[in-house]
Amino acid sequence: MLDYLAFRFPALARLMSRPQFWWFAVAVWFSVLFAASAQAGVLPPMFFTWQDKVEHATYFCAGGLCFYFALRLMFPKMPVARAMLLTSAFCSIMGMTDEFHQSFVPGRSGNDLGDWIADTVGGIIAALIGRKIK
């Protein structure tokens, strides 16, 4: 994938090969998460039963991938298993703090075990995907 980017968009490939790009992406991801969690009682339309959990897992997978790439680029000698474990732990802890934060927002329930599990699963999926992408 990076070979294609390097051929078609060399400046983008150079940017994406720097850990600072991915740490910035993690910061943006967290900022959007915090802002969205602070919204009182805003719920998107539901199209299927587990949509909320799929959205949680997908969003945390995206954040987890950014975190994984940042780690692997900043510490290239870090074992893949350690990066995977740290990515999964990061997403799980961020999910826990997100649920805690929501418990103080009017109109939000917070402390939803199912949401936290979906967040953690998203982090695990990110670690597995990151391992394959390298």
N, C-alpha and C. Protein backbone atom coordinates (compact mmCIF):
# COMPACT_ATOMS: atom_id res chain seq x y z
N MET A 1 0.82 -1.19 0.00
CA MET A 1 0.00 0.00 0.00
C MET A 1 0.87 1.26 0.00
N LEU A 2 1.89 1.28 0.86
CA LEU A 2 2.76 2.45 0.89
C LEU A 2 3.55 2.59 -0.40
N ASP A 3 3.83 1.46 -1.07
CA ASP A 3 4.52 1.54 -2.36
C ASP A 3 3.66 2.29 -3.36
N TYR A 4 2.36 2.00 -3.38
CA TYR A 4 1.45 2.70 -4.28
C TYR A 4 1.39 4.18 -3.93
N LEU A 5 1.30 4.49 -2.63
CA LEU A 5 1.28 5.89 -2.21
C LEU A 5 2.57 6.60 -2.58
N ALA A 6 3.68 5.92 -2.38
CA ALA A 6 4.97 6.53 -2.69
C ALA A 6 5.09 6.83 -4.19
N PHE A 7 4.51 5.95 -5.00
CA PHE A 7 4.57 6.16 -6.44
C PHE A 7 3.63 7.29 -6.88
N ARG A 8 2.39 7.25 -6.39
CA ARG A 8 1.37 8.21 -6.82
C ARG A 8 1.45 9.54 -6.08
N PHE A 9 1.72 9.47 -4.78
CA PHE A 9 1.72 10.67 -3.94
C PHE A 9 2.94 10.65 -3.02
N PRO A 10 4.10 10.98 -3.54
CA PRO A 10 5.32 10.85 -2.74
C PRO A 10 5.32 11.73 -1.49
N ALA A 11 4.76 12.92 -1.56
CA ALA A 11 4.75 13.80 -0.38
C ALA A 11 3.87 13.21 0.72
N LEU A 12 2.73 12.64 0.35
CA LEU A 12 1.84 12.02 1.33
C LEU A 12 2.51 10.80 1.97
N ALA A 13 3.19 10.00 1.15
CA ALA A 13 3.88 8.82 1.67
C ALA A 13 4.97 9.22 2.66
N ARG A 14 5.71 10.29 2.36
CA ARG A 14 6.74 10.77 3.29
C ARG A 14 6.11 11.22 4.60
N LEU A 15 5.00 11.94 4.49
CA LEU A 15 4.31 12.43 5.69
C LEU A 15 3.81 11.26 6.55
N MET A 16 3.22 10.26 5.90
CA MET A 16 2.67 9.13 6.63
C MET A 16 3.73 8.20 7.20
N SER A 17 4.97 8.37 6.79
CA SER A 17 6.05 7.54 7.32
C SER A 17 6.68 8.15 8.57
N ARG A 18 6.13 9.26 9.03
CA ARG A 18 6.64 9.93 10.23
C ARG A 18 5.71 9.69 11.41
N PRO A 19 6.27 9.38 12.57
CA PRO A 19 5.40 9.13 13.73
C PRO A 19 4.60 10.35 14.15
N GLN A 20 5.14 11.54 13.92
CA GLN A 20 4.43 12.75 14.32
C GLN A 20 3.06 12.86 13.62
N PHE A 21 2.98 12.42 12.38
CA PHE A 21 1.72 12.43 11.64
C PHE A 21 0.69 11.59 12.39
N TRP A 22 1.10 10.40 12.82
CA TRP A 22 0.16 9.49 13.47
C TRP A 22 -0.17 9.94 14.89
N TRP A 23 0.79 10.54 15.62
CA TRP A 23 0.47 11.08 16.95
C TRP A 23 -0.52 12.23 16.82
N PHE A 24 -0.35 13.05 15.79
CA PHE A 24 -1.30 14.13 15.55
C PHE A 24 -2.68 13.54 15.24
N ALA A 25 -2.71 12.46 14.45
CA ALA A 25 -3.98 11.80 14.14
C ALA A 25 -4.64 11.26 15.41
N VAL A 26 -3.84 10.72 16.33
CA VAL A 26 -4.38 10.25 17.61
C VAL A 26 -4.97 11.42 18.41
N ALA A 27 -4.27 12.55 18.41
CA ALA A 27 -4.77 13.73 19.13
C ALA A 27 -6.08 14.23 18.54
N VAL A 28 -6.18 14.25 17.22
CA VAL A 28 -7.42 14.67 16.56
C VAL A 28 -8.52 13.67 16.88
N TRP A 29 -8.21 12.38 16.80
CA TRP A 29 -9.18 11.33 17.12
C TRP A 29 -9.72 11.50 18.54
N PHE A 30 -8.81 11.73 19.50
CA PHE A 30 -9.24 11.90 20.88
C PHE A 30 -10.08 13.17 21.04
N SER A 31 -9.71 14.24 20.37
CA SER A 31 -10.46 15.49 20.47
C SER A 31 -11.88 15.33 19.94
N VAL A 32 -12.02 14.64 18.83
CA VAL A 32 -13.35 14.39 18.27
C VAL A 32 -14.15 13.49 19.22
N LEU A 33 -13.50 12.48 19.78
CA LEU A 33 -14.16 11.59 20.74
C LEU A 33 -14.68 12.38 21.94
N PHE A 34 -13.84 13.24 22.50
CA PHE A 34 -14.23 14.02 23.66
C PHE A 34 -15.38 14.96 23.33
N ALA A 35 -15.30 15.63 22.17
CA ALA A 35 -16.36 16.56 21.77
C ALA A 35 -17.67 15.82 21.52
N ALA A 36 -17.60 14.68 20.87
CA ALA A 36 -18.83 13.91 20.60
C ALA A 36 -19.43 13.38 21.89
N SER A 37 -18.59 12.97 22.83
CA SER A 37 -19.08 12.45 24.10
C SER A 37 -19.71 13.52 24.97
N ALA A 38 -19.35 14.76 24.73
CA ALA A 38 -19.87 15.87 25.53
C ALA A 38 -21.23 16.35 25.03
N GLN A 39 -21.69 15.83 23.89
CA GLN A 39 -22.99 16.23 23.35
C GLN A 39 -24.09 15.58 24.18
N ALA A 40 -25.02 16.39 24.62
CA ALA A 40 -26.11 15.90 25.48
C ALA A 40 -27.21 15.25 24.65
N GLY A 41 -27.37 13.95 24.83
CA GLY A 41 -28.51 13.23 24.26
C GLY A 41 -28.64 13.26 22.75
N VAL A 42 -27.55 13.42 22.02
CA VAL A 42 -27.62 13.41 20.56
C VAL A 42 -27.38 11.98 20.08
N LEU A 43 -28.39 11.39 19.46
CA LEU A 43 -28.26 10.02 18.98
C LEU A 43 -28.52 9.96 17.48
N PRO A 44 -27.65 9.29 16.73
CA PRO A 44 -27.90 9.15 15.29
C PRO A 44 -29.04 8.15 15.06
N PRO A 45 -29.65 8.17 13.88
CA PRO A 45 -30.71 7.19 13.61
C PRO A 45 -30.15 5.78 13.60
N MET A 46 -30.93 4.85 14.12
CA MET A 46 -30.50 3.45 14.21
C MET A 46 -31.12 2.67 13.05
N PHE A 47 -30.27 1.96 12.29
CA PHE A 47 -30.72 1.18 11.15
C PHE A 47 -30.74 -0.32 11.44
N PHE A 48 -30.00 -0.75 12.45
CA PHE A 48 -30.02 -2.16 12.85
C PHE A 48 -29.70 -2.26 14.34
N THR A 49 -29.94 -3.42 14.91
CA THR A 49 -29.93 -3.61 16.36
C THR A 49 -28.62 -3.23 17.04
N TRP A 50 -27.51 -3.70 16.55
CA TRP A 50 -26.22 -3.49 17.21
C TRP A 50 -25.43 -2.33 16.61
N GLN A 51 -26.10 -1.41 15.97
CA GLN A 51 -25.41 -0.32 15.26
C GLN A 51 -24.51 0.48 16.21
N ASP A 52 -24.99 0.77 17.39
CA ASP A 52 -24.21 1.56 18.36
C ASP A 52 -22.88 0.87 18.67
N LYS A 53 -22.92 -0.44 18.85
CA LYS A 53 -21.69 -1.17 19.18
C LYS A 53 -20.74 -1.22 17.99
N VAL A 54 -21.30 -1.37 16.79
CA VAL A 54 -20.48 -1.38 15.57
C VAL A 54 -19.81 -0.01 15.39
N GLU A 55 -20.55 1.06 15.66
CA GLU A 55 -19.97 2.41 15.55
C GLU A 55 -18.84 2.58 16.55
N HIS A 56 -19.04 2.12 17.78
CA HIS A 56 -17.98 2.21 18.80
C HIS A 56 -16.74 1.44 18.34
N ALA A 57 -16.93 0.20 17.92
CA ALA A 57 -15.80 -0.63 17.52
C ALA A 57 -15.07 -0.02 16.32
N THR A 58 -15.82 0.51 15.37
CA THR A 58 -15.22 1.10 14.18
C THR A 58 -14.40 2.34 14.53
N TYR A 59 -14.98 3.21 15.36
CA TYR A 59 -14.27 4.44 15.72
C TYR A 59 -13.00 4.13 16.51
N PHE A 60 -13.10 3.19 17.43
CA PHE A 60 -11.92 2.85 18.23
C PHE A 60 -10.90 2.04 17.42
N CYS A 61 -11.36 1.34 16.41
CA CYS A 61 -10.42 0.68 15.49
C CYS A 61 -9.61 1.73 14.74
N ALA A 62 -10.27 2.79 14.28
CA ALA A 62 -9.56 3.86 13.57
C ALA A 62 -8.53 4.52 14.49
N GLY A 63 -8.93 4.85 15.70
CA GLY A 63 -8.00 5.45 16.66
C GLY A 63 -6.87 4.50 17.03
N GLY A 64 -7.22 3.23 17.16
CA GLY A 64 -6.21 2.22 17.48
C GLY A 64 -5.19 2.06 16.37
N LEU A 65 -5.64 2.12 15.12
CA LEU A 65 -4.68 2.04 14.01
C LEU A 65 -3.72 3.22 14.02
N CYS A 66 -4.23 4.40 14.27
CA CYS A 66 -3.36 5.58 14.36
C CYS A 66 -2.34 5.40 15.47
N PHE A 67 -2.79 4.92 16.61
CA PHE A 67 -1.90 4.68 17.75
C PHE A 67 -0.86 3.62 17.41
N TYR A 68 -1.29 2.53 16.80
CA TYR A 68 -0.38 1.44 16.44
C TYR A 68 0.71 1.93 15.49
N PHE A 69 0.31 2.67 14.45
CA PHE A 69 1.30 3.17 13.48
C PHE A 69 2.27 4.14 14.14
N ALA A 70 1.75 4.99 15.03
CA ALA A 70 2.62 5.93 15.75
C ALA A 70 3.66 5.17 16.57
N LEU A 71 3.22 4.14 17.27
CA LEU A 71 4.15 3.34 18.08
C LEU A 71 5.20 2.66 17.22
N ARG A 72 4.75 2.00 16.15
CA ARG A 72 5.68 1.23 15.32
C ARG A 72 6.69 2.13 14.61
N LEU A 73 6.27 3.34 14.25
CA LEU A 73 7.22 4.25 13.59
C LEU A 73 8.15 4.92 14.59
N MET A 74 7.64 5.20 15.78
CA MET A 74 8.48 5.86 16.78
C MET A 74 9.48 4.87 17.40
N PHE A 75 9.04 3.63 17.57
CA PHE A 75 9.88 2.59 18.17
C PHE A 75 9.96 1.39 17.22
N PRO A 76 10.73 1.49 16.15
CA PRO A 76 10.75 0.43 15.14
C PRO A 76 11.24 -0.93 15.65
N LYS A 77 12.00 -0.93 16.74
CA LYS A 77 12.50 -2.20 17.27
C LYS A 77 11.55 -2.82 18.30
N MET A 78 10.44 -2.13 18.58
CA MET A 78 9.46 -2.67 19.52
C MET A 78 8.87 -3.95 18.95
N PRO A 79 8.79 -5.00 19.74
CA PRO A 79 8.17 -6.23 19.24
C PRO A 79 6.71 -5.98 18.85
N VAL A 80 6.29 -6.64 17.79
CA VAL A 80 4.92 -6.47 17.29
C VAL A 80 3.91 -6.83 18.37
N ALA A 81 4.17 -7.88 19.12
CA ALA A 81 3.23 -8.30 20.17
C ALA A 81 3.05 -7.20 21.22
N ARG A 82 4.12 -6.51 21.56
CA ARG A 82 4.02 -5.42 22.54
C ARG A 82 3.20 -4.26 21.96
N ALA A 83 3.45 -3.92 20.72
CA ALA A 83 2.67 -2.85 20.08
C ALA A 83 1.19 -3.22 20.02
N MET A 84 0.90 -4.48 19.74
CA MET A 84 -0.49 -4.94 19.71
C MET A 84 -1.13 -4.84 21.09
N LEU A 85 -0.40 -5.26 22.11
CA LEU A 85 -0.92 -5.20 23.48
C LEU A 85 -1.14 -3.76 23.92
N LEU A 86 -0.19 -2.89 23.63
CA LEU A 86 -0.33 -1.47 24.00
C LEU A 86 -1.49 -0.81 23.26
N THR A 87 -1.68 -1.17 22.00
CA THR A 87 -2.80 -0.62 21.22
C THR A 87 -4.12 -1.06 21.81
N SER A 88 -4.24 -2.33 22.12
CA SER A 88 -5.48 -2.84 22.71
C SER A 88 -5.73 -2.19 24.06
N ALA A 89 -4.70 -2.05 24.87
CA ALA A 89 -4.84 -1.42 26.19
C ALA A 89 -5.21 0.05 26.05
N PHE A 90 -4.59 0.75 25.10
CA PHE A 90 -4.90 2.16 24.87
C PHE A 90 -6.38 2.33 24.55
N CYS A 91 -6.88 1.54 23.62
CA CYS A 91 -8.29 1.67 23.24
C CYS A 91 -9.22 1.30 24.39
N SER A 92 -8.86 0.30 25.15
CA SER A 92 -9.68 -0.10 26.29
C SER A 92 -9.72 1.00 27.36
N ILE A 93 -8.58 1.59 27.65
CA ILE A 93 -8.52 2.66 28.65
C ILE A 93 -9.24 3.91 28.15
N MET A 94 -9.06 4.25 26.87
CA MET A 94 -9.78 5.41 26.31
C MET A 94 -11.28 5.17 26.32
N GLY A 95 -11.70 3.94 26.04
CA GLY A 95 -13.13 3.61 26.09
C GLY A 95 -13.68 3.74 27.50
N MET A 96 -12.88 3.31 28.48
CA MET A 96 -13.29 3.42 29.88
C MET A 96 -13.41 4.89 30.29
N THR A 97 -12.45 5.70 29.92
CA THR A 97 -12.52 7.12 30.29
C THR A 97 -13.64 7.83 29.54
N ASP A 98 -13.92 7.40 28.31
CA ASP A 98 -15.03 7.97 27.55
C ASP A 98 -16.36 7.68 28.24
N GLU A 99 -16.54 6.45 28.68
CA GLU A 99 -17.78 6.09 29.39
C GLU A 99 -17.89 6.86 30.71
N PHE A 100 -16.78 7.00 31.41
CA PHE A 100 -16.79 7.77 32.66
C PHE A 100 -17.16 9.22 32.37
N HIS A 101 -16.57 9.80 31.33
CA HIS A 101 -16.86 11.18 30.95
C HIS A 101 -18.35 11.35 30.63
N GLN A 102 -18.91 10.40 29.90
CA GLN A 102 -20.32 10.49 29.53
C GLN A 102 -21.25 10.44 30.74
N SER A 103 -20.80 9.84 31.82
CA SER A 103 -21.67 9.75 33.01
C SER A 103 -21.92 11.12 33.63
N PHE A 104 -21.12 12.13 33.26
CA PHE A 104 -21.31 13.49 33.77
C PHE A 104 -22.05 14.39 32.79
N VAL A 105 -22.37 13.88 31.60
CA VAL A 105 -23.02 14.68 30.57
C VAL A 105 -24.53 14.47 30.67
N PRO A 106 -25.31 15.55 30.83
CA PRO A 106 -26.77 15.41 30.91
C PRO A 106 -27.32 14.74 29.64
N GLY A 107 -28.22 13.79 29.82
CA GLY A 107 -28.83 13.10 28.70
C GLY A 107 -28.02 11.93 28.18
N ARG A 108 -26.86 11.67 28.76
CA ARG A 108 -26.03 10.52 28.38
C ARG A 108 -25.99 9.55 29.55
N SER A 109 -25.99 8.27 29.24
CA SER A 109 -25.99 7.28 30.32
C SER A 109 -24.58 7.06 30.88
N GLY A 110 -23.60 6.87 30.00
CA GLY A 110 -22.25 6.60 30.48
C GLY A 110 -22.18 5.26 31.19
N ASN A 111 -20.98 4.83 31.47
CA ASN A 111 -20.73 3.58 32.18
C ASN A 111 -21.46 2.39 31.56
N ASP A 112 -21.55 2.37 30.23
CA ASP A 112 -22.20 1.28 29.51
C ASP A 112 -21.15 0.20 29.22
N LEU A 113 -21.29 -0.94 29.88
CA LEU A 113 -20.32 -2.02 29.73
C LEU A 113 -20.24 -2.49 28.27
N GLY A 114 -21.37 -2.55 27.58
CA GLY A 114 -21.37 -2.97 26.18
C GLY A 114 -20.58 -2.03 25.29
N ASP A 115 -20.69 -0.72 25.53
CA ASP A 115 -19.90 0.24 24.75
C ASP A 115 -18.42 0.06 25.01
N TRP A 116 -18.05 -0.14 26.27
CA TRP A 116 -16.64 -0.32 26.62
C TRP A 116 -16.08 -1.59 25.98
N ILE A 117 -16.88 -2.64 25.97
CA ILE A 117 -16.43 -3.88 25.32
C ILE A 117 -16.25 -3.65 23.83
N ALA A 118 -17.18 -2.93 23.20
CA ALA A 118 -17.06 -2.63 21.77
C ALA A 118 -15.81 -1.79 21.49
N ASP A 119 -15.51 -0.84 22.37
CA ASP A 119 -14.31 -0.02 22.23
C ASP A 119 -13.06 -0.90 22.30
N THR A 120 -13.04 -1.81 23.25
CA THR A 120 -11.90 -2.71 23.43
C THR A 120 -11.76 -3.64 22.23
N VAL A 121 -12.87 -4.16 21.74
CA VAL A 121 -12.83 -5.02 20.55
C VAL A 121 -12.29 -4.23 19.35
N GLY A 122 -12.70 -2.97 19.22
CA GLY A 122 -12.17 -2.14 18.15
C GLY A 122 -10.66 -2.00 18.24
N GLY A 123 -10.13 -1.86 19.45
CA GLY A 123 -8.68 -1.78 19.64
C GLY A 123 -7.98 -3.07 19.28
N ILE A 124 -8.60 -4.19 19.63
CA ILE A 124 -8.01 -5.50 19.29
C ILE A 124 -7.99 -5.68 17.78
N ILE A 125 -9.09 -5.31 17.12
CA ILE A 125 -9.14 -5.40 15.65
C ILE A 125 -8.07 -4.51 15.03
N ALA A 126 -7.89 -3.31 15.58
CA ALA A 126 -6.86 -2.40 15.06
C ALA A 126 -5.49 -3.03 15.19
N ALA A 127 -5.22 -3.66 16.31
CA ALA A 127 -3.92 -4.31 16.51
C ALA A 127 -3.71 -5.43 15.50
N LEU A 128 -4.75 -6.20 15.25
CA LEU A 128 -4.64 -7.30 14.28
C LEU A 128 -4.45 -6.77 12.86
N ILE A 129 -5.17 -5.72 12.50
CA ILE A 129 -5.00 -5.12 11.18
C ILE A 129 -3.61 -4.50 11.05
N GLY A 130 -3.19 -3.75 12.07
CA GLY A 130 -1.88 -3.13 12.06
C GLY A 130 -0.76 -4.13 11.88
N ARG A 131 -0.90 -5.26 12.52
CA ARG A 131 0.11 -6.31 12.40
C ARG A 131 0.23 -6.79 10.96
N LYS A 132 -0.89 -6.87 10.27
CA LYS A 132 -0.87 -7.33 8.87
C LYS A 132 -0.34 -6.26 7.92
N ILE A 133 -0.63 -4.98 8.21
CA ILE A 133 -0.17 -3.90 7.35
C ILE A 133 1.31 -3.65 7.57
N LYS A 134 1.73 -3.73 8.81
CA LYS A 134 3.10 -3.51 9.25
C LYS A 134 3.42 -2.08 9.21
